[in-house]
PDB file of all heavy atoms in Angstrom:
ATOM      1  N   PHE A   1    -130.497 104.211 111.408  1.00  0.00           N
ATOM      2  CA  PHE A   1    -131.830 104.016 111.991  1.00  0.00           C
ATOM      3  C   PHE A   1    -131.770 103.786 113.492  1.00  0.00           C
ATOM      4  O   PHE A   1    -132.785 103.950 114.189  1.00  0.00           O
ATOM      5  CB  PHE A   1    -132.540 102.839 111.305  1.00  0.00           C
ATOM      6  CG  PHE A   1    -134.024 102.842 111.509  1.00  0.00           C
ATOM      7  CD1 PHE A   1    -134.822 103.805 110.908  1.00  0.00           C
ATOM      8  CD2 PHE A   1    -134.638 101.887 112.302  1.00  0.00           C
ATOM      9  CE1 PHE A   1    -136.192 103.820 111.095  1.00  0.00           C
ATOM     10  CE2 PHE A   1    -136.011 101.880 112.489  1.00  0.00           C
ATOM     11  CZ  PHE A   1    -136.793 102.856 111.883  1.00  0.00           C
ATOM     12  N   ILE A   2    -130.607 103.422 114.005  1.00  0.00           N
ATOM     13  CA  ILE A   2    -130.440 103.308 115.465  1.00  0.00           C
ATOM     14  C   ILE A   2    -130.815 104.617 116.138  1.00  0.00           C
ATOM     15  O   ILE A   2    -131.396 104.630 117.224  1.00  0.00           O
ATOM     16  CB  ILE A   2    -128.986 102.924 115.808  1.00  0.00           C
ATOM     17  CG1 ILE A   2    -128.663 101.527 115.261  1.00  0.00           C
ATOM     18  CG2 ILE A   2    -128.741 102.968 117.315  1.00  0.00           C
ATOM     19  CD1 ILE A   2    -127.195 101.149 115.367  1.00  0.00           C
ATOM     20  N   TRP A   3    -130.504 105.746 115.455  1.00  0.00           N
ATOM     21  CA  TRP A   3    -130.822 107.062 116.011  1.00  0.00           C
ATOM     22  C   TRP A   3    -132.279 107.453 115.795  1.00  0.00           C
ATOM     23  O   TRP A   3    -132.669 108.575 116.103  1.00  0.00           O
ATOM     24  CB  TRP A   3    -129.876 108.113 115.431  1.00  0.00           C
ATOM     25  CG  TRP A   3    -128.618 108.211 116.238  1.00  0.00           C
ATOM     26  CD1 TRP A   3    -128.374 109.040 117.299  1.00  0.00           C
ATOM     27  CD2 TRP A   3    -127.441 107.420 116.074  1.00  0.00           C
ATOM     28  NE1 TRP A   3    -127.122 108.816 117.796  1.00  0.00           N
ATOM     29  CE2 TRP A   3    -126.517 107.827 117.063  1.00  0.00           C
ATOM     30  CE3 TRP A   3    -127.072 106.406 115.181  1.00  0.00           C
ATOM     31  CZ2 TRP A   3    -125.254 107.258 117.188  1.00  0.00           C
ATOM     32  CZ3 TRP A   3    -125.818 105.841 115.303  1.00  0.00           C
ATOM     33  CH2 TRP A   3    -124.919 106.263 116.294  1.00  0.00           C
ATOM     34  N   MET A   4    -133.074 106.537 115.291  1.00  0.00           N
ATOM     35  CA  MET A   4    -134.516 106.710 115.282  1.00  0.00           C
ATOM     36  C   MET A   4    -135.139 105.865 116.388  1.00  0.00           C
ATOM     37  O   MET A   4    -136.049 106.324 117.104  1.00  0.00           O
ATOM     38  CB  MET A   4    -135.100 106.292 113.925  1.00  0.00           C
ATOM     39  CG  MET A   4    -136.606 106.488 113.792  1.00  0.00           C
ATOM     40  SD  MET A   4    -137.122 108.221 113.867  1.00  0.00           S
ATOM     41  CE  MET A   4    -136.489 108.816 112.302  1.00  0.00           C
ATOM     42  N   VAL A   5    -134.635 104.657 116.564  1.00  0.00           N
ATOM     43  CA  VAL A   5    -135.230 103.715 117.517  1.00  0.00           C
ATOM     44  C   VAL A   5    -134.968 104.129 118.964  1.00  0.00           C
ATOM     45  O   VAL A   5    -135.912 104.332 119.753  1.00  0.00           O
ATOM     46  CB  VAL A   5    -134.705 102.286 117.270  1.00  0.00           C
ATOM     47  CG1 VAL A   5    -135.247 101.330 118.340  1.00  0.00           C
ATOM     48  CG2 VAL A   5    -135.106 101.795 115.885  1.00  0.00           C
ATOM     49  N   ILE A   6    -133.698 104.271 119.337  1.00  0.00           N
ATOM     50  CA  ILE A   6    -133.380 104.554 120.740  1.00  0.00           C
ATOM     51  C   ILE A   6    -133.841 105.953 121.164  1.00  0.00           C
ATOM     52  O   ILE A   6    -134.483 106.087 122.223  1.00  0.00           O
ATOM     53  CB  ILE A   6    -131.877 104.344 121.008  1.00  0.00           C
ATOM     54  CG1 ILE A   6    -131.509 102.885 120.741  1.00  0.00           C
ATOM     55  CG2 ILE A   6    -131.534 104.726 122.446  1.00  0.00           C
ATOM     56  CD1 ILE A   6    -130.060 102.543 120.966  1.00  0.00           C
ATOM     57  N   PRO A   7    -133.572 107.010 120.391  1.00  0.00           N
ATOM     58  CA  PRO A   7    -134.147 108.303 120.775  1.00  0.00           C
ATOM     59  C   PRO A   7    -135.673 108.279 120.831  1.00  0.00           C
ATOM     60  O   PRO A   7    -136.273 108.965 121.666  1.00  0.00           O
ATOM     61  CB  PRO A   7    -133.655 109.248 119.673  1.00  0.00           C
ATOM     62  CG  PRO A   7    -132.381 108.638 119.222  1.00  0.00           C
ATOM     63  CD  PRO A   7    -132.634 107.163 119.258  1.00  0.00           C
ATOM     64  N   GLY A   8    -136.309 107.490 119.972  1.00  0.00           N
ATOM     65  CA  GLY A   8    -137.764 107.372 120.014  1.00  0.00           C
ATOM     66  C   GLY A   8    -138.239 106.792 121.334  1.00  0.00           C
ATOM     67  O   GLY A   8    -139.201 107.285 121.942  1.00  0.00           O
ATOM     68  N   LEU A   9    -137.564 105.746 121.799  1.00  0.00           N
ATOM     69  CA  LEU A   9    -137.924 105.130 123.080  1.00  0.00           C
ATOM     70  C   LEU A   9    -137.679 106.091 124.240  1.00  0.00           C
ATOM     71  O   LEU A   9    -138.503 106.206 125.158  1.00  0.00           O
ATOM     72  CB  LEU A   9    -137.121 103.843 123.282  1.00  0.00           C
ATOM     73  CG  LEU A   9    -137.414 102.696 122.312  1.00  0.00           C
ATOM     74  CD1 LEU A   9    -136.435 101.548 122.531  1.00  0.00           C
ATOM     75  CD2 LEU A   9    -138.848 102.203 122.478  1.00  0.00           C
ATOM     76  N   LEU A  10    -136.553 106.799 124.187  1.00  0.00           N
ATOM     77  CA  LEU A  10    -136.242 107.765 125.253  1.00  0.00           C
ATOM     78  C   LEU A  10    -137.206 108.945 125.225  1.00  0.00           C
ATOM     79  O   LEU A  10    -137.576 109.483 126.281  1.00  0.00           O
ATOM     80  CB  LEU A  10    -134.804 108.258 125.099  1.00  0.00           C
ATOM     81  CG  LEU A  10    -133.717 107.211 125.409  1.00  0.00           C
ATOM     82  CD1 LEU A  10    -132.352 107.720 124.954  1.00  0.00           C
ATOM     83  CD2 LEU A  10    -133.690 106.889 126.896  1.00  0.00           C
ATOM     84  N   LEU A  11    -137.624 109.348 124.047  1.00  0.00           N
ATOM     85  CA  LEU A  11    -138.593 110.439 123.921  1.00  0.00           C
ATOM     86  C   LEU A  11    -139.923 110.052 124.566  1.00  0.00           C
ATOM     87  O   LEU A  11    -140.501 110.825 125.345  1.00  0.00           O
ATOM     88  CB  LEU A  11    -138.804 110.772 122.442  1.00  0.00           C
ATOM     89  CG  LEU A  11    -139.890 111.801 122.121  1.00  0.00           C
ATOM     90  CD1 LEU A  11    -139.559 113.145 122.735  1.00  0.00           C
ATOM     91  CD2 LEU A  11    -140.047 111.931 120.599  1.00  0.00           C
ATOM     92  N   VAL A  12    -140.401 108.855 124.264  1.00  0.00           N
ATOM     93  CA  VAL A  12    -141.658 108.375 124.862  1.00  0.00           C
ATOM     94  C   VAL A  12    -141.529 108.311 126.380  1.00  0.00           C
ATOM     95  O   VAL A  12    -142.439 108.713 127.118  1.00  0.00           O
ATOM     96  CB  VAL A  12    -142.024 106.988 124.289  1.00  0.00           C
ATOM     97  CG1 VAL A  12    -143.197 106.377 125.072  1.00  0.00           C
ATOM     98  CG2 VAL A  12    -142.386 107.099 122.814  1.00  0.00           C
ATOM     99  N   SER A  13    -140.386 107.824 126.862  1.00  0.00           N
ATOM    100  CA  SER A  13    -140.166 107.726 128.302  1.00  0.00           C
ATOM    101  C   SER A  13    -140.221 109.098 128.972  1.00  0.00           C
ATOM    102  O   SER A  13    -140.851 109.267 130.025  1.00  0.00           O
ATOM    103  CB  SER A  13    -138.809 107.062 128.567  1.00  0.00           C
ATOM    104  OG  SER A  13    -138.511 107.057 129.948  1.00  0.00           O
ATOM    105  N   SER A  14    -139.574 110.087 128.366  1.00  0.00           N
ATOM    106  CA  SER A  14    -139.561 111.433 128.942  1.00  0.00           C
ATOM    107  C   SER A  14    -140.943 112.069 128.913  1.00  0.00           C
ATOM    108  O   SER A  14    -141.352 112.726 129.881  1.00  0.00           O
ATOM    109  CB  SER A  14    -138.559 112.321 128.183  1.00  0.00           C
ATOM    110  OG  SER A  14    -137.235 111.968 128.503  1.00  0.00           O
ATOM    111  N   VAL A  15    -141.653 111.898 127.823  1.00  0.00           N
ATOM    112  CA  VAL A  15    -143.009 112.464 127.724  1.00  0.00           C
ATOM    113  C   VAL A  15    -143.909 111.851 128.790  1.00  0.00           C
ATOM    114  O   VAL A  15    -144.676 112.559 129.462  1.00  0.00           O
ATOM    115  CB  VAL A  15    -143.594 112.229 126.313  1.00  0.00           C
ATOM    116  CG1 VAL A  15    -145.086 112.579 126.293  1.00  0.00           C
ATOM    117  CG2 VAL A  15    -142.842 113.056 125.281  1.00  0.00           C
ATOM    118  N   ARG A  16    -143.827 110.551 128.978  1.00  0.00           N
ATOM    119  CA  ARG A  16    -144.641 109.882 129.993  1.00  0.00           C
ATOM    120  C   ARG A  16    -144.261 110.348 131.396  1.00  0.00           C
ATOM    121  O   ARG A  16    -145.135 110.573 132.248  1.00  0.00           O
ATOM    122  CB  ARG A  16    -144.481 108.368 129.876  1.00  0.00           C
ATOM    123  CG  ARG A  16    -145.186 107.754 128.681  1.00  0.00           C
ATOM    124  CD  ARG A  16    -144.941 106.260 128.606  1.00  0.00           C
ATOM    125  NE  ARG A  16    -145.725 105.639 127.544  1.00  0.00           N
ATOM    126  CZ  ARG A  16    -145.632 104.365 127.187  1.00  0.00           C
ATOM    127  NH1 ARG A  16    -144.765 103.559 127.822  1.00  0.00           N
ATOM    128  NH2 ARG A  16    -146.383 103.885 126.221  1.00  0.00           N
ATOM    129  N   THR A  17    -142.970 110.520 131.636  1.00  0.00           N
ATOM    130  CA  THR A  17    -142.516 110.964 132.953  1.00  0.00           C
ATOM    131  C   THR A  17    -143.025 112.360 133.260  1.00  0.00           C
ATOM    132  O   THR A  17    -143.528 112.631 134.361  1.00  0.00           O
ATOM    133  CB  THR A  17    -140.976 110.951 133.025  1.00  0.00           C
ATOM    134  OG1 THR A  17    -140.511 109.613 132.838  1.00  0.00           O
ATOM    135  CG2 THR A  17    -140.497 111.460 134.377  1.00  0.00           C
ATOM    136  N   ILE A  18    -142.917 113.264 132.287  1.00  0.00           N
ATOM    137  CA  ILE A  18    -143.396 114.629 132.486  1.00  0.00           C
ATOM    138  C   ILE A  18    -144.914 114.651 132.649  1.00  0.00           C
ATOM    139  O   ILE A  18    -145.453 115.393 133.482  1.00  0.00           O
ATOM    140  CB  ILE A  18    -142.947 115.525 131.320  1.00  0.00           C
ATOM    141  CG1 ILE A  18    -141.426 115.721 131.375  1.00  0.00           C
ATOM    142  CG2 ILE A  18    -143.675 116.868 131.345  1.00  0.00           C
ATOM    143  CD1 ILE A  18    -140.847 116.509 130.219  1.00  0.00           C
ATOM    144  N   ALA A  19    -145.613 113.821 131.868  1.00  0.00           N
ATOM    145  CA  ALA A  19    -147.074 113.763 131.977  1.00  0.00           C
ATOM    146  C   ALA A  19    -147.489 113.271 133.367  1.00  0.00           C
ATOM    147  O   ALA A  19    -148.421 113.835 133.977  1.00  0.00           O
ATOM    148  CB  ALA A  19    -147.642 112.838 130.908  1.00  0.00           C
ATOM    149  N   ARG A  20    -146.817 112.230 133.870  1.00  0.00           N
ATOM    150  CA  ARG A  20    -147.132 111.727 135.221  1.00  0.00           C
ATOM    151  C   ARG A  20    -146.831 112.781 136.279  1.00  0.00           C
ATOM    152  O   ARG A  20    -147.595 112.939 137.252  1.00  0.00           O
ATOM    153  CB  ARG A  20    -146.331 110.457 135.506  1.00  0.00           C
ATOM    154  CG  ARG A  20    -146.818 109.220 134.770  1.00  0.00           C
ATOM    155  CD  ARG A  20    -146.222 107.964 135.388  1.00  0.00           C
ATOM    156  NE  ARG A  20    -144.768 107.974 135.340  1.00  0.00           N
ATOM    157  CZ  ARG A  20    -144.053 107.430 134.371  1.00  0.00           C
ATOM    158  NH1 ARG A  20    -144.672 106.845 133.350  1.00  0.00           N
ATOM    159  NH2 ARG A  20    -142.735 107.470 134.404  1.00  0.00           N
ATOM    160  N   THR A  21    -145.740 113.517 136.083  1.00  0.00           N
ATOM    161  CA  THR A  21    -145.363 114.542 137.062  1.00  0.00           C
ATOM    162  C   THR A  21    -146.404 115.653 137.112  1.00  0.00           C
ATOM    163  O   THR A  21    -146.803 116.095 138.196  1.00  0.00           O
ATOM    164  CB  THR A  21    -143.983 115.138 136.704  1.00  0.00           C
ATOM    165  OG1 THR A  21    -143.020 114.081 136.693  1.00  0.00           O
ATOM    166  CG2 THR A  21    -143.574 116.180 137.717  1.00  0.00           C
ATOM    167  N   PHE A  22    -146.860 116.103 135.950  1.00  0.00           N
ATOM    168  CA  PHE A  22    -147.871 117.153 135.917  1.00  0.00           C
ATOM    169  C   PHE A  22    -149.206 116.646 136.462  1.00  0.00           C
ATOM    170  O   PHE A  22    -149.927 117.394 137.137  1.00  0.00           O
ATOM    171  CB  PHE A  22    -148.044 117.677 134.489  1.00  0.00           C
ATOM    172  CG  PHE A  22    -147.127 118.819 134.163  1.00  0.00           C
ATOM    173  CD1 PHE A  22    -145.956 118.612 133.447  1.00  0.00           C
ATOM    174  CD2 PHE A  22    -147.415 120.103 134.591  1.00  0.00           C
ATOM    175  CE1 PHE A  22    -145.102 119.646 133.154  1.00  0.00           C
ATOM    176  CE2 PHE A  22    -146.566 121.162 134.296  1.00  0.00           C
ATOM    177  CZ  PHE A  22    -145.401 120.934 133.587  1.00  0.00           C
ATOM    178  N   ALA A  23    -149.532 115.388 136.174  1.00  0.00           N
ATOM    179  CA  ALA A  23    -150.769 114.823 136.708  1.00  0.00           C
ATOM    180  C   ALA A  23    -150.727 114.779 138.229  1.00  0.00           C
ATOM    181  O   ALA A  23    -151.710 115.128 138.907  1.00  0.00           O
ATOM    182  CB  ALA A  23    -150.990 113.425 136.142  1.00  0.00           C
ATOM    183  N   ALA A  24    -149.596 114.361 138.782  1.00  0.00           N
ATOM    184  CA  ALA A  24    -149.442 114.310 140.234  1.00  0.00           C
ATOM    185  C   ALA A  24    -149.481 115.713 140.833  1.00  0.00           C
ATOM    186  O   ALA A  24    -150.084 115.941 141.890  1.00  0.00           O
ATOM    187  CB  ALA A  24    -148.134 113.612 140.597  1.00  0.00           C
ATOM    188  N   PHE A  25    -148.842 116.675 140.142  1.00  0.00           N
ATOM    189  CA  PHE A  25    -148.838 118.062 140.617  1.00  0.00           C
ATOM    190  C   PHE A  25    -150.250 118.640 140.614  1.00  0.00           C
ATOM    191  O   PHE A  25    -150.668 119.306 141.572  1.00  0.00           O
ATOM    192  CB  PHE A  25    -147.920 118.900 139.741  1.00  0.00           C
ATOM    193  CG  PHE A  25    -147.901 120.362 140.108  1.00  0.00           C
ATOM    194  CD1 PHE A  25    -147.178 120.804 141.199  1.00  0.00           C
ATOM    195  CD2 PHE A  25    -148.623 121.288 139.358  1.00  0.00           C
ATOM    196  CE1 PHE A  25    -147.170 122.155 141.548  1.00  0.00           C
ATOM    197  CE2 PHE A  25    -148.611 122.626 139.699  1.00  0.00           C
ATOM    198  CZ  PHE A  25    -147.882 123.068 140.793  1.00  0.00           C
ATOM    199  N   ASP A  26    -150.995 118.395 139.525  1.00  0.00           N
ATOM    200  CA  ASP A  26    -152.370 118.895 139.441  1.00  0.00           C
ATOM    201  C   ASP A  26    -153.237 118.280 140.528  1.00  0.00           C
ATOM    202  O   ASP A  26    -154.096 118.956 141.128  1.00  0.00           O
ATOM    203  CB  ASP A  26    -152.963 118.586 138.063  1.00  0.00           C
ATOM    204  CG  ASP A  26    -152.316 119.406 136.959  1.00  0.00           C
ATOM    205  OD1 ASP A  26    -151.677 120.422 137.278  1.00  0.00           O
ATOM    206  OD2 ASP A  26    -152.442 119.010 135.779  1.00  0.00           O
ATOM    207  N   LYS A  27    -153.032 116.996 140.794  1.00  0.00           N
ATOM    208  CA  LYS A  27    -153.803 116.304 141.829  1.00  0.00           C
ATOM    209  C   LYS A  27    -153.491 116.881 143.206  1.00  0.00           C
ATOM    210  O   LYS A  27    -154.387 117.109 144.027  1.00  0.00           O
ATOM    211  CB  LYS A  27    -153.482 114.812 141.794  1.00  0.00           C
ATOM    212  CG  LYS A  27    -154.334 113.971 142.736  1.00  0.00           C
ATOM    213  CD  LYS A  27    -154.020 112.493 142.566  1.00  0.00           C
ATOM    214  CE  LYS A  27    -154.879 111.648 143.487  1.00  0.00           C
ATOM    215  NZ  LYS A  27    -154.576 110.193 143.331  1.00  0.00           N
ATOM    216  N   MET A  28    -152.206 117.140 143.450  1.00  0.00           N
ATOM    217  CA  MET A  28    -151.799 117.713 144.730  1.00  0.00           C
ATOM    218  C   MET A  28    -152.343 119.133 144.890  1.00  0.00           C
ATOM    219  O   MET A  28    -152.817 119.521 145.963  1.00  0.00           O
ATOM    220  CB  MET A  28    -150.283 117.721 144.833  1.00  0.00           C
ATOM    221  CG  MET A  28    -149.755 118.268 146.156  1.00  0.00           C
ATOM    222  SD  MET A  28    -147.949 118.263 146.218  1.00  0.00           S
ATOM    223  CE  MET A  28    -147.583 119.502 144.955  1.00  0.00           C
ATOM    224  N   THR A  29    -152.283 119.912 143.791  1.00  0.00           N
ATOM    225  CA  THR A  29    -152.797 121.286 143.832  1.00  0.00           C
ATOM    226  C   THR A  29    -154.288 121.301 144.128  1.00  0.00           C
ATOM    227  O   THR A  29    -154.776 122.116 144.918  1.00  0.00           O
ATOM    228  CB  THR A  29    -152.530 122.001 142.492  1.00  0.00           C
ATOM    229  OG1 THR A  29    -151.122 121.988 142.224  1.00  0.00           O
ATOM    230  CG2 THR A  29    -153.023 123.425 142.529  1.00  0.00           C
ATOM    231  N   LEU A  30    -155.026 120.391 143.475  1.00  0.00           N
ATOM    232  CA  LEU A  30    -156.469 120.300 143.710  1.00  0.00           C
ATOM    233  C   LEU A  30    -156.765 119.922 145.154  1.00  0.00           C
ATOM    234  O   LEU A  30    -157.678 120.481 145.778  1.00  0.00           O
ATOM    235  CB  LEU A  30    -157.074 119.267 142.754  1.00  0.00           C
ATOM    236  CG  LEU A  30    -158.600 119.088 142.827  1.00  0.00           C
ATOM    237  CD1 LEU A  30    -159.301 120.407 142.480  1.00  0.00           C
ATOM    238  CD2 LEU A  30    -159.046 117.988 141.867  1.00  0.00           C
ATOM    239  N   ALA A  31    -155.988 118.984 145.691  1.00  0.00           N
ATOM    240  CA  ALA A  31    -156.197 118.558 147.077  1.00  0.00           C
ATOM    241  C   ALA A  31    -155.918 119.705 148.042  1.00  0.00           C
ATOM    242  O   ALA A  31    -156.647 119.894 149.028  1.00  0.00           O
ATOM    243  CB  ALA A  31    -155.292 117.370 147.388  1.00  0.00           C
ATOM    244  N   LEU A  32    -154.882 120.504 147.771  1.00  0.00           N
ATOM    245  CA  LEU A  32    -154.558 121.644 148.625  1.00  0.00           C
ATOM    246  C   LEU A  32    -155.662 122.692 148.578  1.00  0.00           C
ATOM    247  O   LEU A  32    -156.005 123.298 149.600  1.00  0.00           O
ATOM    248  CB  LEU A  32    -153.225 122.260 148.191  1.00  0.00           C
ATOM    249  CG  LEU A  32    -151.963 121.453 148.530  1.00  0.00           C
ATOM    250  CD1 LEU A  32    -150.732 122.098 147.903  1.00  0.00           C
ATOM    251  CD2 LEU A  32    -151.797 121.355 150.053  1.00  0.00           C
ATOM    252  N   LYS A  33    -156.216 122.906 147.357  1.00  0.00           N
ATOM    253  CA  LYS A  33    -157.312 123.879 147.227  1.00  0.00           C
ATOM    254  C   LYS A  33    -158.524 123.434 148.027  1.00  0.00           C
ATOM    255  O   LYS A  33    -159.170 124.233 148.703  1.00  0.00           O
ATOM    256  CB  LYS A  33    -157.676 124.055 145.755  1.00  0.00           C
ATOM    257  CG  LYS A  33    -156.669 124.870 144.961  1.00  0.00           C
ATOM    258  CD  LYS A  33    -157.137 125.059 143.531  1.00  0.00           C
ATOM    259  CE  LYS A  33    -156.152 125.917 142.746  1.00  0.00           C
ATOM    260  NZ  LYS A  33    -156.599 126.084 141.332  1.00  0.00           N
ATOM    261  N   LYS A  34    -158.855 122.125 147.921  1.00  0.00           N
ATOM    262  CA  LYS A  34    -159.999 121.600 148.674  1.00  0.00           C
ATOM    263  C   LYS A  34    -159.762 121.728 150.166  1.00  0.00           C
ATOM    264  O   LYS A  34    -160.661 122.085 150.932  1.00  0.00           O
ATOM    265  CB  LYS A  34    -160.236 120.141 148.295  1.00  0.00           C
ATOM    266  CG  LYS A  34    -160.819 119.946 146.907  1.00  0.00           C
ATOM    267  CD  LYS A  34    -161.076 118.476 146.631  1.00  0.00           C
ATOM    268  CE  LYS A  34    -161.713 118.276 145.256  1.00  0.00           C
ATOM    269  NZ  LYS A  34    -161.961 116.838 144.978  1.00  0.00           N
ATOM    270  N   GLY A  35    -158.519 121.447 150.568  1.00  0.00           N
ATOM    271  CA  GLY A  35    -158.196 121.551 151.982  1.00  0.00           C
ATOM    272  C   GLY A  35    -158.287 122.977 152.480  1.00  0.00           C
ATOM    273  O   GLY A  35    -158.805 123.246 153.568  1.00  0.00           O
ATOM    274  N   THR A  36    -157.833 123.922 151.676  1.00  0.00           N
ATOM    275  CA  THR A  36    -157.880 125.336 152.043  1.00  0.00           C
ATOM    276  C   THR A  36    -159.315 125.826 152.112  1.00  0.00           C
ATOM    277  O   THR A  36    -159.705 126.538 153.038  1.00  0.00           O
ATOM    278  CB  THR A  36    -157.096 126.177 151.017  1.00  0.00           C
ATOM    279  OG1 THR A  36    -155.746 125.709 150.960  1.00  0.00           O
ATOM    280  CG2 THR A  36    -157.105 127.643 151.407  1.00  0.00           C
ATOM    281  N   ASN A  37    -160.135 125.422 151.121  1.00  0.00           N
ATOM    282  CA  ASN A  37    -161.547 125.834 151.114  1.00  0.00           C
ATOM    283  C   ASN A  37    -162.297 125.243 152.295  1.00  0.00           C
ATOM    284  O   ASN A  37    -163.134 125.901 152.918  1.00  0.00           O
ATOM    285  CB  ASN A  37    -162.209 125.393 149.808  1.00  0.00           C
ATOM    286  CG  ASN A  37    -161.673 126.166 148.612  1.00  0.00           C
ATOM    287  OD1 ASN A  37    -161.156 127.259 148.768  1.00  0.00           O
ATOM    288  ND2 ASN A  37    -161.797 125.581 147.425  1.00  0.00           N
ATOM    289  N   GLY A  38    -161.996 123.981 152.610  1.00  0.00           N
ATOM    290  CA  GLY A  38    -162.661 123.338 153.740  1.00  0.00           C
ATOM    291  C   GLY A  38    -162.307 124.007 155.046  1.00  0.00           C
ATOM    292  O   GLY A  38    -163.162 124.215 155.917  1.00  0.00           O
ATOM    293  N   HIS A  39    -161.062 124.411 155.194  1.00  0.00           N
ATOM    294  CA  HIS A  39    -160.637 125.090 156.410  1.00  0.00           C
ATOM    295  C   HIS A  39    -161.281 126.466 156.529  1.00  0.00           C
ATOM    296  O   HIS A  39    -161.691 126.880 157.598  1.00  0.00           O
ATOM    297  CB  HIS A  39    -159.107 125.250 156.385  1.00  0.00           C
ATOM    298  CG  HIS A  39    -158.567 125.966 157.581  1.00  0.00           C
ATOM    299  ND1 HIS A  39    -158.509 125.376 158.831  1.00  0.00           N
ATOM    300  CD2 HIS A  39    -158.055 127.245 157.721  1.00  0.00           C
ATOM    301  CE1 HIS A  39    -157.978 126.243 159.687  1.00  0.00           C
ATOM    302  NE2 HIS A  39    -157.709 127.384 159.039  1.00  0.00           N
ATOM    303  N   ALA A  40    -161.404 127.144 155.370  1.00  0.00           N
ATOM    304  CA  ALA A  40    -162.034 128.472 155.371  1.00  0.00           C
ATOM    305  C   ALA A  40    -163.507 128.373 155.762  1.00  0.00           C
ATOM    306  O   ALA A  40    -164.011 129.191 156.526  1.00  0.00           O
ATOM    307  CB  ALA A  40    -161.867 129.119 153.997  1.00  0.00           C
ATOM    308  N   LYS A  41    -164.229 127.378 155.235  1.00  0.00           N
ATOM    309  CA  LYS A  41    -165.645 127.193 155.572  1.00  0.00           C
ATOM    310  C   LYS A  41    -165.805 126.859 157.041  1.00  0.00           C
ATOM    311  O   LYS A  41    -166.729 127.330 157.708  1.00  0.00           O
ATOM    312  CB  LYS A  41    -166.240 126.088 154.710  1.00  0.00           C
ATOM    313  CG  LYS A  41    -166.394 126.472 153.229  1.00  0.00           C
ATOM    314  CD  LYS A  41    -166.980 125.325 152.429  1.00  0.00           C
ATOM    315  CE  LYS A  41    -167.149 125.722 150.956  1.00  0.00           C
ATOM    316  NZ  LYS A  41    -167.688 124.599 150.164  1.00  0.00           N
ATOM    317  N   GLY A  42    -164.916 126.023 157.550  1.00  0.00           N
ATOM    318  CA  GLY A  42    -164.984 125.675 158.967  1.00  0.00           C
ATOM    319  C   GLY A  42    -164.769 126.874 159.851  1.00  0.00           C
ATOM    320  O   GLY A  42    -165.435 127.034 160.887  1.00  0.00           O
ATOM    321  N   SER A  43    -163.886 127.768 159.466  1.00  0.00           N
ATOM    322  CA  SER A  43    -163.614 128.984 160.242  1.00  0.00           C
ATOM    323  C   SER A  43    -164.838 129.892 160.252  1.00  0.00           C
ATOM    324  O   SER A  43    -165.168 130.493 161.262  1.00  0.00           O
ATOM    325  CB  SER A  43    -162.413 129.713 159.646  1.00  0.00           C
ATOM    326  OG  SER A  43    -161.250 128.894 159.691  1.00  0.00           O
ATOM    327  N   LYS A  44    -165.556 129.975 159.098  1.00  0.00           N
ATOM    328  CA  LYS A  44    -166.751 130.831 159.016  1.00  0.00           C
ATOM    329  C   LYS A  44    -167.840 130.309 159.950  1.00  0.00           C
ATOM    330  O   LYS A  44    -168.544 131.055 160.589  1.00  0.00           O
ATOM    331  CB  LYS A  44    -167.247 130.886 157.586  1.00  0.00           C
ATOM    332  CG  LYS A  44    -166.347 131.713 156.672  1.00  0.00           C
ATOM    333  CD  LYS A  44    -166.913 131.730 155.255  1.00  0.00           C
ATOM    334  CE  LYS A  44    -166.011 132.560 154.349  1.00  0.00           C
ATOM    335  NZ  LYS A  44    -166.530 132.586 152.961  1.00  0.00           N
ATOM    336  N   LYS A  45    -168.004 128.962 159.999  1.00  0.00           N
ATOM    337  CA  LYS A  45    -169.021 128.376 160.850  1.00  0.00           C
ATOM    338  C   LYS A  45    -168.753 128.677 162.325  1.00  0.00           C
ATOM    339  O   LYS A  45    -169.649 128.947 163.114  1.00  0.00           O
ATOM    340  CB  LYS A  45    -169.104 126.871 160.634  1.00  0.00           C
ATOM    341  CG  LYS A  45    -169.716 126.483 159.308  1.00  0.00           C
ATOM    342  CD  LYS A  45    -169.783 124.968 159.151  1.00  0.00           C
ATOM    343  CE  LYS A  45    -170.443 124.590 157.829  1.00  0.00           C
ATOM    344  NZ  LYS A  45    -170.493 123.121 157.692  1.00  0.00           N
ATOM    345  N   GLU A  46    -167.479 128.629 162.703  1.00  0.00           N
ATOM    346  CA  GLU A  46    -167.116 128.912 164.084  1.00  0.00           C
ATOM    347  C   GLU A  46    -167.451 130.342 164.451  1.00  0.00           C
ATOM    348  O   GLU A  46    -167.873 130.663 165.557  1.00  0.00           O
ATOM    349  CB  GLU A  46    -165.632 128.649 164.307  1.00  0.00           C
ATOM    350  CG  GLU A  46    -165.277 127.149 164.250  1.00  0.00           C
ATOM    351  CD  GLU A  46    -163.797 126.907 164.384  1.00  0.00           C
ATOM    352  OE1 GLU A  46    -163.063 127.916 164.577  1.00  0.00           O
ATOM    353  OE2 GLU A  46    -163.368 125.754 164.324  1.00  0.00           O
TER     354      GLU A  46
END
């Protein structure tokens, strides 16, 4: 059962780490898109 407990804890840790990484990546991607769109609109106004 040791091979149920410790791998279970490590599995949860890895899933959480990957989930946080994708969340941060999605947030960064969204921010870059907003920044790109804002720059494009500013260029049109000029």
